[in-house]
């Protein structure tokens, strides 16, 4: 066992101290783990998140951002199910076996694990081109599980946070333009909406994450539920730097990746409106952006009531490009 692995393993072991669902670990980096699922709960397992240099990660990517981005991508998938993070499996290849980079990566992961009461249960780290892979398992009560299907005609469409800031920062970096401080913060340290998923689980009729873009998220909900949707384009919550871009900023909000917000639907009731109006401050904001209707497809409605069909375009991780999702 390498010295670097021992260093990382110590941090993994410490994550058990703050874990919500701690399990005993035995063996080394290749040991399997046994997990018990409490009665009345679903085990939610995310697809592994694979990030590679030159695709999702930039050349010379910092260890802190690589850890934050990988973690947020899979934690956002749990949030869209209303699940609480429980356990994580992590692997990475690091150029030249850079032990300092690996140490910072482990430190950032450990802080994220502590903040979400997650236990880091296994991992493998080797020399090679920069690649990061994380998979999470979470738990959610049977009666509080969120699904992408379930939206009904007349439901209101909501989105958490603000849209387009991360895509704006990525675009600025590629063009060599100055970075807006607020958008840069979102880009460096994305935050999964785990608390939001838990909060809306008792009344949301459908939910998905917005990691591939808002248009793709709304299309996913509509397609899964067998309904259509109308989105008020002037209602989309945008950071100031994105709003200043006009039509280009709107495209970033609709089709840009990396926001990790939640898009969900809920009945148009006074009770729901009151719950959303009294969100705990730590959860940020929620904005009503449209309605669910019977006509198939997703339509964008401008401030002048002009209607356009919105393509279900979004970020494809395989190609590293924006393309049609559905």
Protein backbone atom coordinates (compact mmCIF):
# COMPACT_ATOMS: atom_id res chain seq x y z
CA UNK A 1 0.00 0.00 0.00
CA UNK A 2 1.48 3.36 -1.06
CA UNK A 3 2.16 6.24 1.31
CA UNK A 4 -0.24 8.38 -0.72
CA UNK A 5 -3.01 5.81 -0.27
CA UNK A 6 -2.38 5.59 3.46
CA UNK A 7 -2.75 9.38 3.65
CA UNK A 8 -6.05 9.27 1.75
CA UNK A 9 -7.27 6.22 3.68
CA UNK A 10 -6.86 8.09 6.97
CA UNK A 11 -9.15 10.85 5.69
CA UNK A 12 -11.63 8.25 4.45
CA UNK A 13 -11.65 6.60 7.86
CA UNK A 14 -12.32 9.92 9.59
CA UNK A 15 -15.42 10.49 7.45
CA UNK A 16 -17.12 7.73 9.48
CA UNK A 17 -17.13 9.97 12.55
CA UNK A 18 -19.65 12.41 11.02
CA UNK A 19 -21.49 9.93 8.79
CA UNK A 20 -25.28 9.75 8.97
CA UNK A 21 -25.25 6.00 8.19
CA UNK A 22 -21.80 4.76 9.33
CA UNK A 23 -20.53 1.33 8.36
CA UNK A 24 -17.47 -0.58 9.49
CA UNK A 25 -14.64 -0.84 6.97
CA UNK A 26 -12.07 -3.60 6.76
CA UNK A 27 -9.22 -4.38 4.42
CA UNK A 28 -7.37 -2.06 2.04
CA UNK A 29 -8.23 -0.02 -1.00
CA UNK A 30 -9.78 -2.99 -2.85
CA UNK A 31 -11.98 -4.24 -0.01
CA UNK A 32 -15.73 -4.58 -0.60
CA UNK A 33 -18.20 -2.88 1.76
CA UNK A 34 -21.46 -4.22 3.21
CA UNK A 35 -24.32 -1.75 3.55
CA UNK A 36 -27.62 -2.31 5.37
CA UNK A 37 -30.69 -0.46 4.11
CA UNK A 38 -33.03 0.64 6.92
CA UNK A 39 -36.60 -0.61 6.72
CA UNK A 40 -38.96 1.71 4.86
CA UNK A 41 -36.21 3.30 2.76
CA UNK A 42 -34.98 3.01 -0.81
CA UNK A 43 -31.30 2.70 -1.67
CA UNK A 44 -30.54 5.22 -4.43
CA UNK A 45 -27.38 4.62 -6.42
CA UNK A 46 -26.06 7.19 -8.88
CA UNK A 47 -24.32 6.36 -12.14
CA UNK A 48 -20.56 6.80 -11.72
CA UNK A 49 -19.45 10.33 -12.57
CA UNK A 50 -16.38 10.21 -14.81
CA UNK A 51 -14.45 13.44 -15.37
CA UNK A 52 -11.45 13.61 -17.70
CA UNK A 53 -8.83 16.22 -18.46
CA UNK A 54 -9.59 17.94 -21.75
CA UNK A 55 -13.34 17.18 -21.55
CA UNK A 56 -14.98 18.12 -18.23
CA UNK A 57 -11.72 19.13 -16.53
CA UNK A 58 -9.29 21.75 -17.79
CA UNK A 59 -5.58 21.10 -18.19
CA UNK A 60 -3.93 21.77 -14.85
CA UNK A 61 -7.26 21.52 -13.03
CA UNK A 62 -7.04 22.26 -9.32
CA UNK A 63 -7.62 19.34 -6.97
CA UNK A 64 -10.27 21.30 -5.08
CA UNK A 65 -12.41 22.02 -8.13
CA UNK A 66 -12.03 18.49 -9.51
CA UNK A 67 -13.33 17.10 -6.21
CA UNK A 68 -16.16 19.65 -5.97
CA UNK A 69 -17.32 19.15 -9.55
CA UNK A 70 -17.33 15.36 -9.40
CA UNK A 71 -19.06 15.29 -6.02
CA UNK A 72 -21.68 17.86 -6.98
CA UNK A 73 -22.60 16.05 -10.17
CA UNK A 74 -23.53 12.83 -8.37
CA UNK A 75 -24.91 14.52 -5.24
CA UNK A 76 -27.24 16.53 -7.47
CA UNK A 77 -28.65 13.27 -8.85
CA UNK A 78 -29.41 12.15 -5.29
CA UNK A 79 -31.02 15.51 -4.52
CA UNK A 80 -33.39 15.03 -7.47
CA UNK A 81 -34.64 11.86 -5.78
CA UNK A 82 -35.04 13.52 -2.39
CA UNK A 83 -32.30 11.26 -1.02
CA UNK A 84 -29.71 11.89 1.66
CA UNK A 85 -26.10 10.95 0.78
CA UNK A 86 -24.85 7.90 2.64
CA UNK A 87 -21.74 6.37 1.07
CA UNK A 88 -19.24 7.20 -1.68
CA UNK A 89 -16.77 5.22 -3.78
CA UNK A 90 -13.98 7.30 -5.32
CA UNK A 91 -11.23 6.61 -7.85
CA UNK A 92 -8.74 8.82 -9.66
CA UNK A 93 -5.66 8.72 -11.82
CA UNK A 94 -3.21 11.56 -11.19
CA UNK A 95 -0.43 12.66 -13.59
CA UNK A 96 2.97 11.71 -12.23
CA UNK A 97 1.41 10.39 -9.04
CA UNK A 98 1.35 13.96 -7.68
CA UNK A 99 0.95 13.32 -3.94
CA UNK A 100 0.34 17.02 -3.13
CA UNK A 101 -2.54 17.15 -5.65
CA UNK A 102 -3.96 13.91 -4.26
CA UNK A 103 -3.76 15.22 -0.70
CA UNK A 104 -5.67 18.40 -1.59
CA UNK A 105 -8.22 16.31 -3.50
CA UNK A 106 -8.76 14.09 -0.45
CA UNK A 107 -9.01 17.09 1.85
CA UNK A 108 -11.71 18.68 -0.29
CA UNK A 109 -13.64 15.41 -0.54
CA UNK A 110 -13.39 14.94 3.20
CA UNK A 111 -14.82 18.40 3.86
CA UNK A 112 -17.71 17.71 1.46
CA UNK A 113 -18.33 14.36 3.17
CA UNK A 114 -18.41 16.00 6.58
CA UNK A 115 -20.78 18.75 5.38
CA UNK A 116 -23.23 16.19 3.98
CA UNK A 117 -22.68 13.48 6.66
CA UNK A 118 -21.46 11.11 3.98
CA UNK A 119 -19.00 8.27 4.54
CA UNK A 120 -16.17 7.70 2.05
CA UNK A 121 -16.05 3.91 1.99
CA UNK A 122 -13.65 2.94 -0.79
CA UNK A 123 -11.32 4.28 -3.43
CA UNK A 124 -8.39 3.59 -5.73
CA UNK A 125 -5.73 6.06 -6.83
CA UNK A 126 -3.11 5.48 -9.52
CA UNK A 127 -0.70 7.30 -11.80
CA UNK A 128 -2.10 8.31 -15.20
CA UNK A 129 -3.89 11.06 -17.15
CA UNK A 130 -6.07 13.16 -14.87
CA UNK A 131 -9.34 11.29 -14.38
CA UNK A 132 -11.80 11.39 -11.48
CA UNK A 133 -14.65 8.94 -10.86
CA UNK A 134 -17.18 9.10 -8.01
CA UNK A 135 -20.31 7.10 -7.30
CA UNK A 136 -22.71 7.84 -4.45
CA UNK A 137 -25.34 5.80 -2.66
CA UNK A 138 -28.10 7.51 -0.74
CA UNK A 139 -31.23 6.68 1.20
CA UNK A 140 -34.75 8.06 0.97
CA UNK A 141 -38.06 7.16 2.63
CA UNK A 142 -40.50 5.25 0.41
CA UNK A 143 -43.16 7.95 0.70
CA UNK A 144 -40.76 10.85 0.03
CA UNK A 145 -39.04 9.60 -3.12
CA UNK A 146 -38.99 12.10 -5.97
CA UNK A 147 -39.35 10.99 -9.62
CA UNK A 148 -39.05 12.72 -13.00
CA UNK A 149 -42.51 11.39 -13.88
CA UNK A 150 -45.65 12.64 -12.16
CA UNK A 151 -46.17 16.16 -13.51
CA UNK A 152 -49.82 16.94 -14.26
CA UNK A 153 -51.53 19.47 -16.49
CA UNK A 154 -51.91 22.72 -14.54
CA UNK A 155 -48.86 22.14 -12.31
CA UNK A 156 -46.42 25.00 -11.90
CA UNK A 157 -42.79 24.55 -12.99
CA UNK A 158 -40.14 25.81 -10.57
CA UNK A 159 -36.37 26.02 -10.58
CA UNK A 160 -33.99 26.59 -7.68
CA UNK A 161 -31.16 29.12 -7.60
CA UNK A 162 -29.94 30.93 -10.71
CA UNK A 163 -29.10 29.65 -14.17
CA UNK A 164 -26.29 30.17 -16.64
CA UNK A 165 -23.56 31.38 -14.29
CA UNK A 166 -21.32 28.32 -14.57
CA UNK A 167 -21.68 28.16 -18.37
CA UNK A 168 -20.86 31.88 -18.54
CA UNK A 169 -17.67 31.32 -16.53
CA UNK A 170 -16.65 28.34 -18.67
CA UNK A 171 -17.19 30.37 -21.84
CA UNK A 172 -15.14 33.27 -20.44
CA UNK A 173 -12.27 30.93 -19.56
CA UNK A 174 -12.25 29.45 -23.06
CA UNK A 175 -12.19 32.92 -24.63
CA UNK A 176 -9.65 34.32 -22.18
CA UNK A 177 -12.14 36.94 -20.93
CA UNK A 178 -12.28 38.34 -17.37
CA UNK A 179 -14.34 36.28 -14.96
CA UNK A 180 -17.35 37.66 -13.12
CA UNK A 181 -16.66 37.05 -9.39
CA UNK A 182 -20.13 35.67 -8.64
CA UNK A 183 -20.10 33.29 -11.61
CA UNK A 184 -16.54 32.25 -10.78
CA UNK A 185 -17.63 31.28 -7.27
CA UNK A 186 -20.35 29.04 -8.73
CA UNK A 187 -17.84 27.52 -11.15
CA UNK A 188 -15.19 26.81 -8.50
CA UNK A 189 -17.46 25.55 -5.71
CA UNK A 190 -20.79 24.21 -7.03
CA UNK A 191 -23.36 23.28 -4.38
CA UNK A 192 -25.80 20.34 -4.75
CA UNK A 193 -29.38 21.09 -3.65
CA UNK A 194 -29.68 18.20 -1.19
CA UNK A 195 -31.64 20.21 1.37
CA UNK A 196 -33.95 21.53 -1.33
CA UNK A 197 -34.71 18.00 -2.52
CA UNK A 198 -35.66 17.01 1.00
CA UNK A 199 -37.77 20.14 1.49
CA UNK A 200 -39.90 19.72 -1.65
CA UNK A 201 -40.27 15.92 -1.41
CA UNK A 202 -43.61 16.07 0.38
CA UNK A 203 -45.37 18.17 -2.28
CA UNK A 204 -43.45 18.12 -5.61
CA UNK A 205 -45.15 16.07 -8.33
CA UNK A 206 -41.93 15.56 -10.33
CA UNK A 207 -38.28 16.56 -10.13
CA UNK A 208 -34.94 16.33 -11.94
CA UNK A 209 -31.58 18.10 -11.77
CA UNK A 210 -30.45 20.78 -14.19
CA UNK A 211 -26.84 19.68 -14.67
CA UNK A 212 -27.31 19.33 -18.46
CA UNK A 213 -29.29 22.57 -18.91
CA UNK A 214 -32.79 23.82 -18.12
CA UNK A 215 -34.29 23.02 -21.53
CA UNK A 216 -33.20 19.39 -21.24
CA UNK A 217 -34.50 19.20 -17.66
CA UNK A 218 -37.98 20.51 -18.51
CA UNK A 219 -38.09 18.21 -21.54
CA UNK A 220 -37.16 15.25 -19.34
CA UNK A 221 -39.99 15.98 -16.89
CA UNK A 222 -42.51 16.52 -19.69
CA UNK A 223 -41.47 13.39 -21.60
CA UNK A 224 -41.47 11.16 -18.50
CA UNK A 225 -44.88 12.47 -17.42
CA UNK A 226 -46.54 12.37 -20.86
CA UNK A 227 -47.31 16.10 -20.83
CA UNK A 228 -46.02 19.35 -22.33
CA UNK A 229 -44.64 22.52 -20.81
CA UNK A 230 -44.58 26.28 -21.35
CA UNK A 231 -41.64 28.25 -19.96
CA UNK A 232 -41.76 32.02 -19.39
CA UNK A 233 -38.37 33.10 -20.67
CA UNK A 234 -38.45 36.47 -18.92
CA UNK A 235 -39.01 34.68 -15.58
CA UNK A 236 -35.77 32.69 -15.66
CA UNK A 237 -33.55 33.58 -12.67
CA UNK A 238 -30.20 34.79 -14.04
CA UNK A 239 -27.09 36.18 -12.35
CA UNK A 240 -26.55 39.83 -13.24
CA UNK A 241 -23.56 39.04 -15.47
CA UNK A 242 -25.65 36.56 -17.48
CA UNK A 243 -28.71 38.83 -17.73
CA UNK A 244 -26.51 41.58 -19.22
CA UNK A 245 -25.74 39.31 -22.18
CA UNK A 246 -29.32 39.42 -23.48
CA UNK A 247 -30.18 36.59 -25.88
CA UNK A 248 -26.75 34.99 -25.43
CA UNK A 249 -27.32 34.89 -21.66
CA UNK A 250 -30.71 33.27 -22.18
CA UNK A 251 -29.04 30.54 -24.26
CA UNK A 252 -26.55 29.93 -21.43
CA UNK A 253 -29.43 29.50 -18.98
CA UNK A 254 -31.40 27.18 -21.25
CA UNK A 255 -28.63 25.03 -22.67
CA UNK A 256 -25.53 25.55 -20.49
CA UNK A 257 -24.28 22.88 -18.10
CA UNK A 258 -23.05 22.81 -14.54
CA UNK A 259 -25.70 24.72 -12.61
CA UNK A 260 -26.73 21.65 -10.52
CA UNK A 261 -30.05 23.23 -9.60
CA UNK A 262 -33.37 21.37 -9.28
CA UNK A 263 -36.28 21.74 -11.67
CA UNK A 264 -39.56 20.50 -10.25
CA UNK A 265 -43.31 20.73 -10.62
CA UNK A 266 -45.99 21.14 -7.97
CA UNK A 267 -49.76 21.71 -7.86
CA UNK A 268 -50.92 25.36 -7.95
CA UNK A 269 -52.03 25.41 -4.32
CA UNK A 270 -51.82 28.06 -1.63
CA UNK A 271 -50.12 25.55 0.66
CA UNK A 272 -47.29 24.93 -1.80
CA UNK A 273 -46.91 28.65 -2.47
CA UNK A 274 -46.63 29.31 1.26
CA UNK A 275 -44.02 26.57 1.72
CA UNK A 276 -41.88 27.96 -1.09
CA UNK A 277 -42.28 31.54 0.11
CA UNK A 278 -40.88 30.51 3.49
CA UNK A 279 -37.81 28.59 2.42
CA UNK A 280 -34.99 28.49 4.99
CA UNK A 281 -32.48 31.18 3.89
CA UNK A 282 -29.70 28.61 3.49
CA UNK A 283 -31.61 27.03 0.60
CA UNK A 284 -31.59 30.18 -1.52
CA UNK A 285 -34.41 31.02 -3.89
CA UNK A 286 -37.03 29.18 -5.92
CA UNK A 287 -38.65 30.75 -9.00
CA UNK A 288 -41.86 29.82 -10.81
CA UNK A 289 -40.90 29.70 -14.49
CA UNK A 290 -43.86 28.14 -16.28
CA UNK A 291 -46.73 25.67 -16.33
CA UNK A 292 -47.40 22.10 -17.34
CA UNK A 293 -49.92 21.71 -20.16
CA UNK A 294 -51.43 18.98 -22.31
CA UNK A 295 -49.80 19.87 -25.63
CA UNK A 296 -46.63 17.79 -26.18
CA UNK A 297 -43.27 19.54 -26.38
CA UNK A 298 -41.65 22.42 -24.53
CA UNK A 299 -42.44 26.00 -25.53
CA UNK A 300 -40.67 29.20 -24.60
CA UNK A 301 -42.87 32.29 -24.14
CA UNK A 302 -41.19 35.68 -24.44
CA UNK A 303 -42.16 38.88 -22.59
CA UNK A 304 -44.05 39.88 -25.77
CA UNK A 305 -46.01 36.59 -25.72
CA UNK A 306 -44.10 35.19 -28.69
CA UNK A 307 -44.06 31.38 -28.58
CA UNK A 308 -41.13 29.27 -29.81
CA UNK A 309 -40.42 25.56 -29.53
CA UNK A 310 -37.46 24.90 -27.24
CA UNK A 311 -35.22 22.04 -28.38
CA UNK A 312 -34.26 19.57 -25.66
CA UNK A 313 -30.62 20.49 -26.10
CA UNK A 314 -28.18 19.91 -23.28
CA UNK A 315 -24.62 19.01 -22.33
CA UNK A 316 -23.52 15.52 -23.39
CA UNK A 317 -20.73 14.24 -21.17
CA UNK A 318 -19.57 11.64 -23.71
CA UNK A 319 -18.80 14.15 -26.45
CA UNK A 320 -18.21 17.23 -24.29
CA UNK A 321 -20.64 19.19 -26.50
CA UNK A 322 -24.17 20.61 -26.35
CA UNK A 323 -26.57 18.46 -28.36
CA UNK A 324 -30.13 17.12 -28.54
CA UNK A 325 -30.93 15.03 -25.44
CA UNK A 326 -34.38 13.59 -26.22
